[in-house]
Amino acid sequence: MNSIFFLIIIINVSYMTLFTLRLILVIKGYRKTASFLSMIEVFIYLMGLTIVLDNLDDPVNIAAYCAGWGLGVYLGGIIENRMALGYIVFDIIVDAHESSLPALIREKGYGVTAWPAEGKDGLRMCMKVLAKRKNEKKLRDIVTDQSPKAFIISYEPNRYNGGFLTNPIKSTGWTGRRA
């Protein structure tokens, strides 16, 4: 394998990583950052494409282009997951006797809306929690530590307005009144 092969892979991994991140940033509403990233992305893309087109006589270079493309998408996804931009909504259902769970979740700094419900096997406690995506695992662990059989659905909201995150609890504790 020659140095062109590895150069093509490196360029395409860089390009597709930026492409993936830019796409996610646009979807999440970070348009200015995405626009800046796109300028770097297209520069890298044109460099890589030029090298591949100048070396089409060797099919290994085309394979390098494809491999770099796939690796770049994968790497972009990993980076976005670590950045954890945005928010996550948890719908949590537990047995009604676990009614102290909303208070515990609030003590950990999350906003919780809770209400009683009726399930197939009796009374339940339903909760809705909006959290930053970077806190998803921490929140899931809090719930499952206290209620291992909790039914949890999590998803990313497209839009939200008002609520706990726009009026966070003061560090001195929740008083039940708006600051």
Protein backbone atom coordinates (compact mmCIF):
# COMPACT_ATOMS: atom_id res chain seq x y z
CA MET A 1 0.00 0.00 0.00
CA ASN A 2 1.29 3.41 -0.88
CA SER A 3 1.10 6.71 0.97
CA ILE A 4 -1.76 7.91 -1.28
CA PHE A 5 -3.92 5.08 0.07
CA PHE A 6 -3.48 6.22 3.68
CA LEU A 7 -3.79 9.90 2.77
CA ILE A 8 -7.15 9.22 1.09
CA ILE A 9 -8.40 7.35 4.19
CA ILE A 10 -7.27 10.13 6.55
CA ILE A 11 -8.82 12.85 4.40
CA ASN A 12 -12.11 11.01 4.04
CA VAL A 13 -12.33 10.13 7.73
CA SER A 14 -11.81 13.83 8.48
CA TYR A 15 -14.34 14.90 5.87
CA MET A 16 -17.07 12.46 6.90
CA THR A 17 -16.55 13.12 10.60
CA LEU A 18 -17.11 16.82 9.97
CA PHE A 19 -20.02 16.04 7.63
CA THR A 20 -21.74 13.93 10.28
CA LEU A 21 -21.17 16.50 13.02
CA ARG A 22 -22.39 19.33 10.77
CA LEU A 23 -25.56 17.45 9.92
CA ILE A 24 -26.30 16.80 13.59
CA LEU A 25 -25.54 20.41 14.50
CA VAL A 26 -28.00 21.65 11.87
CA ILE A 27 -30.69 19.28 13.12
CA LYS A 28 -30.13 20.43 16.72
CA GLY A 29 -30.28 24.11 15.76
CA TYR A 30 -26.60 25.09 15.91
CA ARG A 31 -26.70 26.69 12.44
CA LYS A 32 -23.79 29.14 12.84
CA THR A 33 -21.39 26.48 14.11
CA ALA A 34 -22.58 24.13 11.36
CA SER A 35 -21.97 26.81 8.69
CA PHE A 36 -18.42 27.36 9.90
CA LEU A 37 -17.78 23.62 10.01
CA SER A 38 -19.10 23.23 6.46
CA MET A 39 -16.38 25.51 5.08
CA ILE A 40 -13.68 23.28 6.54
CA GLU A 41 -15.60 20.19 5.46
CA VAL A 42 -15.87 21.21 1.79
CA PHE A 43 -12.17 22.13 1.66
CA ILE A 44 -11.20 18.68 2.94
CA TYR A 45 -13.72 17.04 0.58
CA LEU A 46 -12.28 18.77 -2.49
CA MET A 47 -8.72 17.84 -1.51
CA GLY A 48 -9.67 14.18 -1.10
CA LEU A 49 -11.75 14.01 -4.25
CA THR A 50 -8.95 15.59 -6.28
CA ILE A 51 -6.46 13.01 -5.01
CA VAL A 52 -8.84 10.11 -5.79
CA LEU A 53 -9.69 11.41 -9.27
CA ASP A 54 -5.99 11.91 -10.05
CA ASN A 55 -5.32 8.29 -9.02
CA LEU A 56 -8.28 6.37 -10.46
CA ASP A 57 -5.88 3.95 -12.16
CA ASP A 58 -5.50 2.08 -8.86
CA PRO A 59 -8.78 0.57 -7.54
CA VAL A 60 -7.23 0.37 -4.07
CA ASN A 61 -7.54 4.17 -3.89
CA ILE A 62 -11.28 3.91 -4.50
CA ALA A 63 -11.48 1.30 -1.73
CA ALA A 64 -9.54 3.69 0.54
CA TYR A 65 -12.07 6.43 -0.26
CA CYS A 66 -14.96 4.11 0.68
CA ALA A 67 -13.24 2.91 3.86
CA GLY A 68 -12.51 6.47 4.95
CA TRP A 69 -16.13 7.41 4.29
CA GLY A 70 -17.48 4.64 6.54
CA LEU A 71 -14.94 5.24 9.30
CA GLY A 72 -15.71 8.96 9.23
CA VAL A 73 -19.44 8.41 9.69
CA TYR A 74 -18.71 6.05 12.59
CA LEU A 75 -16.26 8.47 14.23
CA GLY A 76 -18.66 11.41 13.77
CA GLY A 77 -21.38 9.45 15.55
CA ILE A 78 -19.06 8.63 18.45
CA ILE A 79 -18.00 12.28 18.81
CA GLU A 80 -21.61 13.50 18.71
CA ASN A 81 -22.59 10.95 21.32
CA ARG A 82 -19.80 12.19 23.60
CA MET A 83 -20.79 15.82 23.01
CA ALA A 84 -24.36 14.85 24.01
CA LEU A 85 -25.97 18.00 22.67
CA GLY A 86 -29.57 18.73 23.50
CA TYR A 87 -32.06 17.20 25.87
CA ILE A 88 -33.69 13.87 26.58
CA VAL A 89 -37.19 13.17 27.88
CA PHE A 90 -37.80 10.24 30.19
CA ASP A 91 -41.22 8.69 30.65
CA ILE A 92 -40.94 6.54 33.76
CA ILE A 93 -43.53 4.19 35.20
CA VAL A 94 -43.04 2.47 38.57
CA ASP A 95 -45.25 0.76 41.16
CA ALA A 96 -47.34 3.22 43.17
CA HIS A 97 -45.59 2.24 46.42
CA GLU A 98 -42.41 3.84 45.03
CA SER A 99 -43.98 7.29 45.42
CA SER A 100 -40.79 8.70 47.00
CA LEU A 101 -38.92 8.37 43.67
CA PRO A 102 -40.00 11.79 42.29
CA ALA A 103 -38.65 13.53 45.40
CA LEU A 104 -35.35 11.65 45.12
CA ILE A 105 -35.00 12.60 41.45
CA ARG A 106 -35.73 16.24 42.36
CA GLU A 107 -33.06 16.10 45.10
CA LYS A 108 -30.57 15.08 42.39
CA GLY A 109 -31.39 18.30 40.49
CA TYR A 110 -33.92 17.15 37.91
CA GLY A 111 -37.42 18.48 37.34
CA VAL A 112 -40.12 15.84 37.61
CA THR A 113 -43.80 15.89 36.82
CA ALA A 114 -45.50 12.92 38.50
CA TRP A 115 -49.04 11.59 38.58
CA PRO A 116 -50.83 8.43 39.69
CA ALA A 117 -51.99 6.00 37.02
CA GLU A 118 -53.63 2.62 36.72
CA GLY A 119 -51.86 -0.27 34.99
CA LYS A 120 -52.80 -3.86 34.22
CA ASP A 121 -51.48 -5.04 37.59
CA GLY A 122 -52.66 -2.13 39.74
CA LEU A 123 -51.72 1.40 40.70
CA ARG A 124 -48.63 2.99 39.16
CA MET A 125 -46.68 6.23 39.45
CA CYS A 126 -45.94 7.95 36.12
CA MET A 127 -43.21 10.54 35.77
CA LYS A 128 -41.92 12.77 33.03
CA VAL A 129 -38.39 14.15 33.32
CA LEU A 130 -36.52 16.45 30.95
CA ALA A 131 -32.73 16.29 31.31
CA LYS A 132 -29.63 17.26 29.39
CA ARG A 133 -28.48 14.39 27.18
CA LYS A 134 -25.11 14.33 28.93
CA ASN A 135 -27.00 13.32 32.10
CA GLU A 136 -29.00 10.50 30.49
CA LYS A 137 -27.02 7.62 31.98
CA LYS A 138 -26.85 9.26 35.41
CA LEU A 139 -30.63 9.74 35.50
CA ARG A 140 -31.29 6.22 34.25
CA ASP A 141 -28.98 4.85 36.97
CA ILE A 142 -30.79 6.84 39.68
CA VAL A 143 -34.14 5.40 38.60
CA THR A 144 -32.99 1.80 38.11
CA ASP A 145 -31.05 1.78 41.42
CA GLN A 146 -34.24 2.69 43.26
CA SER A 147 -36.65 0.77 41.04
CA PRO A 148 -34.98 -2.03 39.03
CA LYS A 149 -38.28 -2.96 37.36
CA ALA A 150 -39.06 0.62 36.25
CA PHE A 151 -40.45 0.96 32.76
CA ILE A 152 -38.46 3.74 31.08
CA ILE A 153 -38.85 5.26 27.63
CA SER A 154 -36.44 7.99 26.59
CA TYR A 155 -36.48 10.16 23.50
CA GLU A 156 -35.19 13.48 22.23
CA PRO A 157 -37.71 16.32 22.09
CA ASN A 158 -37.84 18.47 18.96
CA ARG A 159 -39.04 21.59 20.75
CA TYR A 160 -39.91 22.65 24.26
CA ASN A 161 -41.07 25.80 25.95
CA GLY A 162 -40.86 26.81 29.61
CA GLY A 163 -40.58 24.31 32.41
CA PHE A 164 -37.91 23.27 34.87
CA LEU A 165 -34.88 23.97 32.69
CA THR A 166 -35.88 27.57 32.06
CA ASN A 167 -36.48 28.15 35.80
CA PRO A 168 -33.86 26.01 37.55
CA ILE A 169 -33.99 25.30 41.26
CA LYS A 170 -31.74 27.62 43.26
CA SER A 171 -28.79 25.95 44.97
CA THR A 172 -30.36 26.75 48.35
CA GLY A 173 -33.16 24.30 47.59
CA TRP A 174 -36.62 24.26 46.13
CA THR A 175 -39.14 26.44 47.92
CA GLY A 176 -42.10 25.73 45.68
CA ARG A 177 -42.10 29.35 44.48
CA ARG A 178 -40.62 30.86 41.37
CA ALA A 179 -37.50 32.94 41.94
